[in-house]
Amino acid sequence: MNGQHYGQHHSGRNHGQHGPDSYFPSNGDPRYRVHRYELDLDYRPEPNRLAGTARLSAIAGRAELDEFQLNFADFRIGRIRVDGRPAHYTLRGGRLRIRPAKPLAASAAFTVEVHYSGNPKPVKSAWGGLGWEELTDGALVASQPVGAPSWYPCNDRPADKAAYQISLTTPSAYQVVIGGRLLTRTTRASTTTWLYEQPAPTSSYLVGLAIGRFQTALLGDPGLDRVPQTGHFPAHLLTDFSRDFARQPQMMALFQELFGPYPFGEYAVVVADEELDVPVEAQGLSLFGTNHVDGARSSERLIAHELAHQWFGNSVTVADWQHIWLHEGLAKYAEWLWCERSDGRGAQDLAAAAHRLLADLPENLSLADPGRKNMFDDRLYERGALAIHALRCALGDEAFFEALRAWTDLHRHGVVTTEMFAAHMERFARRPVDEVFRAWIHETALPEVPVLAASNR
């Protein structure tokens, strides 16, 4: 839908030039960047067997490359070619080291082709298994933050964004849902090949996928100016799903009003036929479990949260995992804004409740650098939302929402840091907001609850 805009903003062009990720220094290789992945895969659910080819189109950085690295799990590699020529390689400890037949010149475009097969399984992490997950009947991919190498070789760092084309063949009884546009679906004998395209620059952890037996429904009226929204869910959940996700089109309209145009061509939600600990966002796609669907809208705030991530996290992505509060604080605040505009409590009440919650917890987390083990700590979400609320209180509604829309526009499909966000918000404030950033984002002590002016409540 917005293909002509992809990659035109300045923050999207230099995404390959950030250094190693501070929380995952062994993930990714900053000496080059990938601009397109083409995955041609075949998956058999019964033996949980994945086989195929990954073709990467990349550009070397400022120095000649006599070798480079990809992140990749323990698959059997058939062959690797760089620019069509066989290359030497080793695969150990999740790192695929490739030595091309001749060194790659600085700034040179090059292609890498990896043929592989094996039984995909989640990558081990401090938060449990991440990435490819075999289900009772099917599979799903939820990779945040470092699970992408569980199923394809990649430069696994959020700052390296690329376009994707993914072809996946699986038995015809299954449906395949991938974030992006379904180009073709071709059935031959007992298998079907699904071909998806995601032209928007995408971080490797945001490539989401679900394989299962789904019923599909359109959400809302996809008129000329509307974002196509589809739901994929087990047939037995039709009634509950229809009620629980009925207000998602209104969320989409509200968030476009507050945050600017939806940044991708379409949006899909998938309910896997299993319980999931938490829903997970992917590019143009969110994954939920059966436990998030009950017909009583009990998880509606999570539906809002995952949708908001399409702006904050997916289109505008952190350059380094240290800045993850920019994803989670803004998505959490979007929940409050949905409550405020629908039939729930106002953001001020929700801020006060979050403040009470935090007041009973240890005050030793800094949003600016929470540490790897606290990336998904509840305090980061709640304090992150309170920090955003404090900025709204300081700027006033008109300037605050103008600043958010400018942020998502300026950094559309790009990567950002806390420092960039601070400088950006400063430009929209009548008075300096450095004290807000110091108290809420850099310090650990809990400030007083920020209060909206009465006219903005």
Protein backbone atom coordinates (compact mmCIF):
# COMPACT_ATOMS: atom_id res chain seq x y z
CA MET A 1 0.00 0.00 0.00
CA ASN A 2 2.77 2.42 0.91
CA GLY A 3 5.53 0.84 -1.12
CA GLN A 4 6.81 4.08 -2.58
CA HIS A 5 7.68 5.34 0.91
CA TYR A 6 9.74 2.39 2.09
CA GLY A 7 13.24 3.28 3.19
CA GLN A 8 13.07 6.96 2.22
CA HIS A 9 13.41 8.47 5.67
CA HIS A 10 16.91 9.12 6.91
CA SER A 11 16.71 6.86 9.95
CA GLY A 12 15.97 3.89 7.69
CA ARG A 13 18.94 4.33 5.39
CA ASN A 14 21.77 3.96 7.87
CA HIS A 15 20.43 1.03 9.84
CA GLY A 16 23.43 -1.16 9.06
CA GLN A 17 25.98 1.19 10.59
CA HIS A 18 25.28 0.84 14.29
CA GLY A 19 27.85 -1.12 16.31
CA PRO A 20 27.24 -4.44 18.05
CA ASP A 21 24.08 -4.65 20.15
CA SER A 22 24.92 -3.81 23.76
CA TYR A 23 22.73 -6.57 25.25
CA PHE A 24 23.45 -9.24 22.61
CA PRO A 25 26.96 -8.47 21.33
CA SER A 26 27.35 -11.88 19.68
CA ASN A 27 24.17 -11.39 17.63
CA GLY A 28 24.45 -9.79 14.23
CA ASP A 29 27.43 -8.54 12.28
CA PRO A 30 27.61 -4.73 11.90
CA ARG A 31 30.18 -4.95 9.07
CA TYR A 32 27.47 -5.38 6.41
CA ARG A 33 23.71 -5.02 6.05
CA VAL A 34 21.05 -7.10 4.35
CA HIS A 35 18.43 -5.35 2.23
CA ARG A 36 16.41 -8.41 1.10
CA TYR A 37 15.81 -11.99 2.22
CA GLU A 38 14.23 -14.58 -0.06
CA LEU A 39 13.30 -17.76 1.81
CA ASP A 40 12.10 -20.78 -0.17
CA LEU A 41 11.10 -23.39 2.43
CA ASP A 42 9.30 -26.70 2.80
CA TYR A 43 7.84 -27.73 6.17
CA ARG A 44 6.38 -31.09 7.18
CA PRO A 45 4.58 -30.86 10.55
CA GLU A 46 4.56 -34.58 11.38
CA PRO A 47 8.33 -35.05 11.48
CA ASN A 48 8.80 -31.30 12.23
CA ARG A 49 11.18 -31.05 9.28
CA LEU A 50 12.17 -27.79 7.62
CA ALA A 51 14.25 -27.66 4.44
CA GLY A 52 15.00 -25.02 1.85
CA THR A 53 17.12 -22.13 0.69
CA ALA A 54 17.76 -18.68 2.09
CA ARG A 55 19.04 -16.09 -0.36
CA LEU A 56 20.31 -12.81 1.13
CA SER A 57 21.05 -9.67 -0.87
CA ALA A 58 23.48 -7.58 1.15
CA ILE A 59 25.89 -4.65 1.03
CA ALA A 60 29.34 -4.60 2.61
CA GLY A 61 30.18 -1.76 4.98
CA ARG A 62 33.13 0.62 4.94
CA ALA A 63 35.80 -2.10 5.02
CA GLU A 64 36.67 -5.06 2.81
CA LEU A 65 35.21 -8.36 4.07
CA ASP A 66 37.31 -11.49 3.84
CA GLU A 67 34.76 -13.21 6.10
CA PHE A 68 31.40 -12.37 7.69
CA GLN A 69 28.89 -13.97 10.04
CA LEU A 70 25.23 -14.88 10.17
CA ASN A 71 23.28 -16.13 13.18
CA PHE A 72 21.89 -19.62 12.59
CA ALA A 73 20.77 -22.58 14.67
CA ASP A 74 21.99 -26.15 14.37
CA PHE A 75 20.80 -27.16 10.87
CA ARG A 76 22.51 -29.41 8.35
CA ILE A 77 23.95 -27.22 5.61
CA GLY A 78 23.95 -28.55 2.06
CA ARG A 79 25.98 -25.78 0.47
CA ILE A 80 26.71 -22.07 0.68
CA ARG A 81 27.46 -19.77 -2.22
CA VAL A 82 28.55 -16.13 -2.16
CA ASP A 83 27.91 -14.34 -5.46
CA GLY A 84 27.28 -17.76 -7.01
CA ARG A 85 30.63 -19.24 -5.97
CA PRO A 86 31.12 -21.93 -3.30
CA ALA A 87 32.27 -20.48 0.03
CA HIS A 88 34.00 -21.98 3.06
CA TYR A 89 31.98 -21.95 6.27
CA THR A 90 31.78 -23.16 9.86
CA LEU A 91 28.65 -23.37 12.01
CA ARG A 92 29.26 -23.40 15.75
CA GLY A 93 27.37 -22.06 18.74
CA GLY A 94 24.73 -20.30 16.66
CA ARG A 95 27.28 -18.47 14.48
CA LEU A 96 27.66 -19.26 10.80
CA ARG A 97 31.06 -17.93 9.70
CA ILE A 98 31.39 -17.60 5.94
CA ARG A 99 34.59 -17.00 3.99
CA PRO A 100 33.90 -16.11 0.34
CA ALA A 101 36.15 -17.37 -2.44
CA LYS A 102 37.52 -13.84 -2.75
CA PRO A 103 37.17 -10.90 -0.34
CA LEU A 104 34.18 -8.59 -0.79
CA ALA A 105 35.13 -5.01 -1.58
CA ALA A 106 34.02 -2.18 0.73
CA SER A 107 30.47 -1.03 -0.14
CA ALA A 108 30.04 -3.90 -2.61
CA ALA A 109 26.65 -5.54 -3.14
CA PHE A 110 26.76 -9.31 -2.71
CA THR A 111 24.46 -12.32 -2.43
CA VAL A 112 24.61 -15.27 -0.05
CA GLU A 113 22.75 -18.52 -0.69
CA VAL A 114 22.39 -21.08 2.11
CA HIS A 115 20.81 -24.51 1.48
CA TYR A 116 19.79 -26.21 4.72
CA SER A 117 17.55 -28.77 6.40
CA GLY A 118 16.76 -30.03 9.88
CA ASN A 119 14.29 -30.06 12.77
CA PRO A 120 13.66 -26.50 13.90
CA LYS A 121 13.44 -25.88 17.62
CA PRO A 122 13.38 -22.78 19.81
CA VAL A 123 16.58 -20.93 20.67
CA LYS A 124 17.33 -21.14 24.40
CA SER A 125 17.18 -17.83 26.25
CA ALA A 126 16.65 -16.30 29.68
CA TRP A 127 12.94 -16.08 28.78
CA GLY A 128 12.56 -19.70 27.66
CA GLY A 129 12.53 -20.98 24.08
CA LEU A 130 12.27 -18.35 21.33
CA GLY A 131 11.58 -18.59 17.61
CA TRP A 132 10.20 -21.66 15.85
CA GLU A 133 7.81 -23.55 18.08
CA GLU A 134 6.28 -26.87 17.11
CA LEU A 135 2.63 -27.00 18.21
CA THR A 136 0.35 -29.99 18.73
CA ASP A 137 -0.90 -29.47 15.18
CA GLY A 138 1.21 -26.94 13.27
CA ALA A 139 3.86 -24.40 14.23
CA LEU A 140 4.40 -20.74 14.99
CA VAL A 141 7.30 -18.32 15.12
CA ALA A 142 7.64 -15.76 17.93
CA SER A 143 11.23 -14.55 17.95
CA GLN A 144 11.53 -11.47 20.17
CA PRO A 145 14.31 -10.73 20.84
CA VAL A 146 16.76 -13.35 19.48
CA GLY A 147 14.76 -16.29 18.12
CA ALA A 148 14.94 -15.65 14.36
CA PRO A 149 18.02 -17.90 13.81
CA SER A 150 15.86 -20.85 14.96
CA TRP A 151 14.55 -21.16 11.40
CA TYR A 152 16.60 -19.09 8.93
CA PRO A 153 20.14 -17.65 8.70
CA CYS A 154 20.07 -13.93 9.39
CA ASN A 155 21.98 -10.86 10.52
CA ASP A 156 20.06 -10.95 13.78
CA ARG A 157 20.14 -7.41 15.12
CA PRO A 158 17.16 -5.03 15.28
CA ALA A 159 19.09 -2.28 13.49
CA ASP A 160 19.49 -4.35 10.30
CA LYS A 161 16.13 -4.13 8.53
CA ALA A 162 15.36 -5.80 5.21
CA ALA A 163 12.51 -6.64 2.85
CA TYR A 164 11.30 -10.26 2.79
CA GLN A 165 9.82 -12.67 0.29
CA ILE A 166 8.89 -16.01 1.85
CA SER A 167 7.66 -19.11 0.04
CA LEU A 168 6.53 -21.93 2.34
CA THR A 169 5.24 -25.32 1.16
CA THR A 170 3.31 -27.47 3.60
CA PRO A 171 0.60 -30.18 3.47
CA SER A 172 -2.61 -28.73 2.01
CA ALA A 173 -4.62 -29.32 5.21
CA TYR A 174 -2.69 -26.43 6.77
CA GLN A 175 -2.92 -22.70 6.27
CA VAL A 176 0.20 -20.54 6.37
CA VAL A 177 0.00 -16.96 7.69
CA ILE A 178 3.03 -14.67 7.41
CA GLY A 179 3.19 -10.90 8.00
CA GLY A 180 2.84 -9.18 4.62
CA ARG A 181 0.83 -9.64 1.44
CA LEU A 182 -0.13 -13.08 0.17
CA LEU A 183 0.96 -13.03 -3.48
CA THR A 184 0.04 -16.57 -4.57
CA ARG A 185 -1.21 -19.85 -3.18
CA THR A 186 -0.48 -22.86 -5.36
CA THR A 187 -1.68 -26.40 -4.69
CA ARG A 188 0.06 -29.41 -6.23
CA ALA A 189 -1.06 -32.93 -5.29
CA SER A 190 -1.14 -32.95 -1.47
CA THR A 191 0.90 -29.79 -0.77
CA THR A 192 0.26 -26.07 -1.04
CA THR A 193 2.88 -23.34 -1.52
CA TRP A 194 2.16 -19.96 0.07
CA LEU A 195 4.14 -16.98 -1.23
CA TYR A 196 4.21 -13.81 0.90
CA GLU A 197 5.93 -10.47 0.34
CA GLN A 198 6.81 -7.91 3.03
CA PRO A 199 8.34 -4.90 1.24
CA ALA A 200 8.73 -2.77 4.38
CA PRO A 201 12.14 -2.89 6.08
CA THR A 202 11.78 -5.54 8.78
CA SER A 203 14.00 -6.57 11.70
CA SER A 204 14.74 -10.31 11.74
CA TYR A 205 12.96 -10.88 15.07
CA LEU A 206 9.76 -9.42 13.60
CA VAL A 207 9.29 -12.02 10.87
CA GLY A 208 6.26 -13.86 12.24
CA LEU A 209 4.64 -17.01 10.95
CA ALA A 210 1.84 -19.42 11.85
CA ILE A 211 1.00 -22.80 10.38
CA GLY A 212 -2.30 -24.36 11.43
CA ARG A 213 -5.88 -25.24 10.59
CA PHE A 214 -7.58 -21.86 10.68
CA GLN A 215 -10.83 -20.24 9.81
CA THR A 216 -10.35 -16.77 8.32
CA ALA A 217 -12.55 -13.69 8.75
CA LEU A 218 -12.29 -10.07 7.66
CA LEU A 219 -12.34 -7.53 10.49
CA GLY A 220 -14.21 -4.36 9.67
CA ASP A 221 -14.93 -2.95 6.25
CA PRO A 222 -11.74 -2.78 4.14
CA GLY A 223 -12.93 0.27 2.18
CA LEU A 224 -10.69 2.24 -0.15
CA ASP A 225 -9.02 4.16 2.67
CA ARG A 226 -9.03 1.34 5.21
CA VAL A 227 -6.27 -1.06 6.21
CA PRO A 228 -7.23 -4.66 5.31
CA GLN A 229 -7.53 -6.58 8.61
CA THR A 230 -7.92 -10.34 8.79
CA GLY A 231 -8.29 -12.80 11.63
CA HIS A 232 -7.16 -16.45 11.52
CA PHE A 233 -8.40 -18.70 14.34
CA PRO A 234 -9.55 -22.25 15.16
CA ALA A 235 -13.11 -22.73 13.88
CA HIS A 236 -14.44 -23.60 17.36
CA LEU A 237 -13.52 -20.06 18.53
CA LEU A 238 -15.55 -18.22 15.87
CA THR A 239 -18.16 -16.77 18.24
CA ASP A 240 -15.71 -15.74 20.95
CA PHE A 241 -13.17 -14.38 18.45
CA SER A 242 -15.84 -12.30 16.69
CA ARG A 243 -16.76 -10.61 19.95
CA ASP A 244 -13.26 -10.21 21.37
CA PHE A 245 -11.78 -8.66 18.22
CA ALA A 246 -14.90 -6.72 17.14
CA ARG A 247 -13.47 -3.37 18.22
CA GLN A 248 -10.04 -3.77 16.59
CA PRO A 249 -11.12 -1.67 13.54
CA GLN A 250 -12.01 1.18 15.96
CA MET A 251 -8.59 0.79 17.59
CA MET A 252 -6.99 1.03 14.16
CA ALA A 253 -8.94 4.24 13.43
CA LEU A 254 -8.01 5.76 16.81
CA PHE A 255 -4.33 4.90 16.53
CA GLN A 256 -4.14 6.32 13.01
CA GLU A 257 -5.68 9.52 14.34
CA LEU A 258 -3.25 9.71 17.29
CA PHE A 259 -0.08 8.13 15.86
CA GLY A 260 -0.33 8.77 12.12
CA PRO A 261 -1.03 6.45 9.15
CA TYR A 262 -0.75 2.70 9.72
CA PRO A 263 2.78 1.93 8.49
CA PHE A 264 2.20 -1.33 6.58
CA GLY A 265 -0.03 -2.64 3.81
CA GLU A 266 -2.22 -4.92 5.93
CA TYR A 267 -2.69 -6.33 9.43
CA ALA A 268 -3.42 -9.90 10.46
CA VAL A 269 -4.11 -11.50 13.82
CA VAL A 270 -3.69 -15.22 14.44
CA VAL A 271 -5.04 -17.26 17.34
CA ALA A 272 -2.98 -20.44 17.62
CA ASP A 273 -4.87 -23.52 18.83
CA GLU A 274 -2.78 -23.56 22.03
CA GLU A 275 -2.35 -21.39 25.10
CA LEU A 276 0.49 -18.86 24.87
CA ASP A 277 2.11 -17.09 27.82
CA VAL A 278 1.77 -13.70 26.17
CA PRO A 279 0.66 -12.43 22.75
CA VAL A 280 3.55 -11.54 20.43
CA GLU A 281 3.85 -8.83 17.80
CA ALA A 282 5.43 -9.37 14.39
CA GLN A 283 5.60 -7.15 11.31
CA GLY A 284 2.00 -6.68 10.13
CA LEU A 285 0.92 -9.62 12.29
CA SER A 286 0.13 -10.43 15.93
CA LEU A 287 -0.07 -13.89 17.50
CA PHE A 288 -2.44 -14.79 20.33
CA GLY A 289 -3.26 -18.00 22.21
CA THR A 290 -6.64 -19.61 22.93
CA ASN A 291 -6.30 -18.24 26.49
CA HIS A 292 -6.57 -14.70 25.08
CA VAL A 293 -10.01 -15.41 23.57
CA ASP A 294 -12.95 -15.89 25.94
CA GLY A 295 -15.87 -14.00 24.40
CA ALA A 296 -15.78 -11.47 27.26
CA ARG A 297 -13.14 -9.10 25.84
CA SER A 298 -10.91 -9.89 28.83
CA SER A 299 -7.78 -9.42 26.69
CA GLU A 300 -8.87 -6.34 24.76
CA ARG A 301 -6.05 -4.23 26.20
CA LEU A 302 -3.58 -6.79 24.78
CA ILE A 303 -5.21 -6.50 21.36
CA ALA A 304 -4.62 -2.73 21.58
CA HIS A 305 -1.05 -3.24 22.83
CA GLU A 306 -0.04 -5.55 19.95
CA LEU A 307 -1.67 -3.28 17.36
CA ALA A 308 0.18 -0.24 18.75
CA HIS A 309 3.48 -2.10 18.31
CA GLN A 310 3.02 -1.81 14.54
CA TRP A 311 3.93 1.88 14.96
CA PHE A 312 6.14 1.63 18.05
CA GLY A 313 8.52 -1.30 17.72
CA ASN A 314 7.86 -2.55 14.20
CA SER A 315 7.95 0.53 11.96
CA VAL A 316 9.99 2.61 14.42
CA THR A 317 12.41 0.09 15.93
CA VAL A 318 15.13 0.42 18.53
CA ALA A 319 18.67 0.50 17.13
CA ASP A 320 19.80 -1.46 20.20
CA TRP A 321 17.84 -3.58 22.71
CA GLN A 322 18.97 -1.25 25.50
CA HIS A 323 16.20 1.15 24.36
CA ILE A 324 13.33 -1.37 24.50
CA TRP A 325 11.27 0.90 26.76
CA LEU A 326 10.52 2.92 23.60
CA HIS A 327 8.58 -0.10 22.30
CA GLU A 328 6.90 -1.24 25.48
CA GLY A 329 6.24 2.08 27.18
CA LEU A 330 4.50 3.51 24.11
CA ALA A 331 2.50 0.31 23.45
CA LYS A 332 1.44 0.19 27.10
CA TYR A 333 0.40 3.83 26.93
CA ALA A 334 -1.62 3.04 23.79
CA GLU A 335 -3.65 0.62 25.96
CA TRP A 336 -4.48 3.53 28.27
CA LEU A 337 -5.41 5.75 25.33
CA TRP A 338 -7.77 3.07 24.00
CA CYS A 339 -9.39 2.79 27.45
CA GLU A 340 -9.68 6.56 27.60
CA ARG A 341 -11.40 6.75 24.20
CA SER A 342 -13.57 3.64 24.47
CA ASP A 343 -15.48 2.83 27.64
CA GLY A 344 -12.81 2.35 30.29
CA ARG A 345 -10.98 4.58 32.72
CA GLY A 346 -9.08 7.71 31.72
CA ALA A 347 -5.31 7.68 31.27
CA GLN A 348 -4.93 9.72 34.48
CA ASP A 349 -6.66 7.00 36.54
CA LEU A 350 -4.59 4.30 34.85
CA ALA A 351 -1.41 6.29 35.50
CA ALA A 352 -2.29 6.56 39.18
CA ALA A 353 -2.94 2.78 39.34
CA ALA A 354 0.39 2.04 37.65
CA HIS A 355 2.13 4.40 40.06
CA ARG A 356 0.61 2.56 43.07
CA LEU A 357 1.80 -0.73 41.61
CA LEU A 358 5.36 0.56 41.11
CA ALA A 359 5.46 2.10 44.59
CA ASP A 360 5.32 -1.42 46.06
CA LEU A 361 8.18 -2.74 43.90
CA PRO A 362 11.97 -2.25 44.07
CA GLU A 363 13.10 1.09 42.59
CA ASN A 364 16.28 -0.10 40.90
CA LEU A 365 15.36 -0.07 37.20
CA SER A 366 16.45 2.69 34.81
CA LEU A 367 14.43 2.82 31.58
CA ALA A 368 17.42 4.20 29.69
CA ASP A 369 19.43 1.06 30.45
CA PRO A 370 17.36 -1.60 32.25
CA GLY A 371 19.87 -4.40 31.68
CA ARG A 372 19.30 -7.50 29.61
CA LYS A 373 17.55 -9.49 32.34
CA ASN A 374 14.98 -6.70 32.87
CA MET A 375 14.03 -6.17 29.22
CA PHE A 376 10.57 -7.67 29.78
CA ASP A 377 10.15 -6.78 33.46
CA ASP A 378 6.63 -5.52 34.27
CA ARG A 379 8.19 -2.41 35.80
CA LEU A 380 9.64 -1.41 32.42
CA TYR A 381 6.15 -1.47 30.86
CA GLU A 382 4.42 0.40 33.67
CA ARG A 383 7.18 2.95 34.25
CA GLY A 384 7.58 3.35 30.48
CA ALA A 385 3.90 4.22 30.12
CA LEU A 386 4.14 6.62 33.07
CA ALA A 387 7.13 8.32 31.43
CA ILE A 388 5.06 8.83 28.28
CA HIS A 389 2.19 10.14 30.43
CA ALA A 390 4.62 12.56 32.11
CA LEU A 391 5.62 13.86 28.67
CA ARG A 392 1.96 14.30 27.74
CA CYS A 393 1.40 16.24 30.97
CA ALA A 394 4.44 18.44 30.23
CA LEU A 395 3.59 19.14 26.57
CA GLY A 396 -0.21 19.26 26.65
CA ASP A 397 -2.34 17.13 24.35
CA GLU A 398 -2.00 19.13 21.15
CA ALA A 399 1.81 19.28 21.15
CA PHE A 400 2.16 15.74 22.55
CA PHE A 401 0.15 14.01 19.83
CA GLU A 402 1.67 16.21 17.15
CA ALA A 403 5.09 15.08 18.41
CA LEU A 404 4.09 11.38 18.31
CA ARG A 405 2.77 11.68 14.73
CA ALA A 406 5.96 13.46 13.67
CA TRP A 407 8.06 10.75 15.38
CA THR A 408 6.36 7.90 13.51
CA ASP A 409 6.58 9.83 10.23
CA LEU A 410 10.19 10.96 10.53
CA HIS A 411 11.48 7.52 11.57
CA ARG A 412 9.06 5.38 9.55
CA HIS A 413 10.75 2.00 8.89
CA GLY A 414 13.89 3.29 10.63
CA VAL A 415 15.73 2.76 13.90
CA VAL A 416 15.94 5.02 16.94
CA THR A 417 17.43 5.54 20.40
CA THR A 418 16.32 7.14 23.66
CA GLU A 419 18.58 10.13 22.90
CA MET A 420 16.82 10.66 19.56
CA PHE A 421 13.42 10.50 21.28
CA ALA A 422 14.48 13.04 23.90
CA ALA A 423 15.77 15.46 21.27
CA HIS A 424 12.58 15.00 19.25
CA MET A 425 10.17 15.67 22.15
CA GLU A 426 12.22 18.71 23.16
CA ARG A 427 11.39 20.32 19.80
CA PHE A 428 7.65 20.19 20.56
CA ALA A 429 7.80 21.39 24.15
CA ARG A 430 7.19 25.01 25.21
CA ARG A 431 9.45 24.44 28.23
CA PRO A 432 12.46 22.09 28.51
CA VAL A 433 11.56 18.46 29.22
CA ASP A 434 15.05 17.30 30.18
CA GLU A 435 13.91 17.07 33.81
CA VAL A 436 11.11 14.65 32.79
CA PHE A 437 13.66 12.47 30.99
CA ARG A 438 16.11 12.62 33.87
CA ALA A 439 13.56 11.70 36.54
CA TRP A 440 11.53 9.09 34.66
CA ILE A 441 13.98 7.56 32.18
CA HIS A 442 17.52 7.93 33.55
CA GLU A 443 16.98 7.78 37.32
CA THR A 444 15.61 4.81 39.25
CA ALA A 445 13.67 6.49 42.09
CA LEU A 446 9.93 6.78 41.44
CA PRO A 447 8.83 10.41 40.94
CA GLU A 448 5.40 11.70 41.96
CA VAL A 449 2.54 10.65 39.71
CA PRO A 450 2.34 13.09 36.75
CA VAL A 451 -0.99 14.92 36.47
CA LEU A 452 -2.75 16.01 33.27
CA ALA A 453 -4.10 19.55 33.13
CA ALA A 454 -7.85 19.46 33.82
CA SER A 455 -8.61 20.60 30.25
CA ASN A 456 -6.91 17.49 28.87
CA ARG A 457 -8.59 14.92 31.08
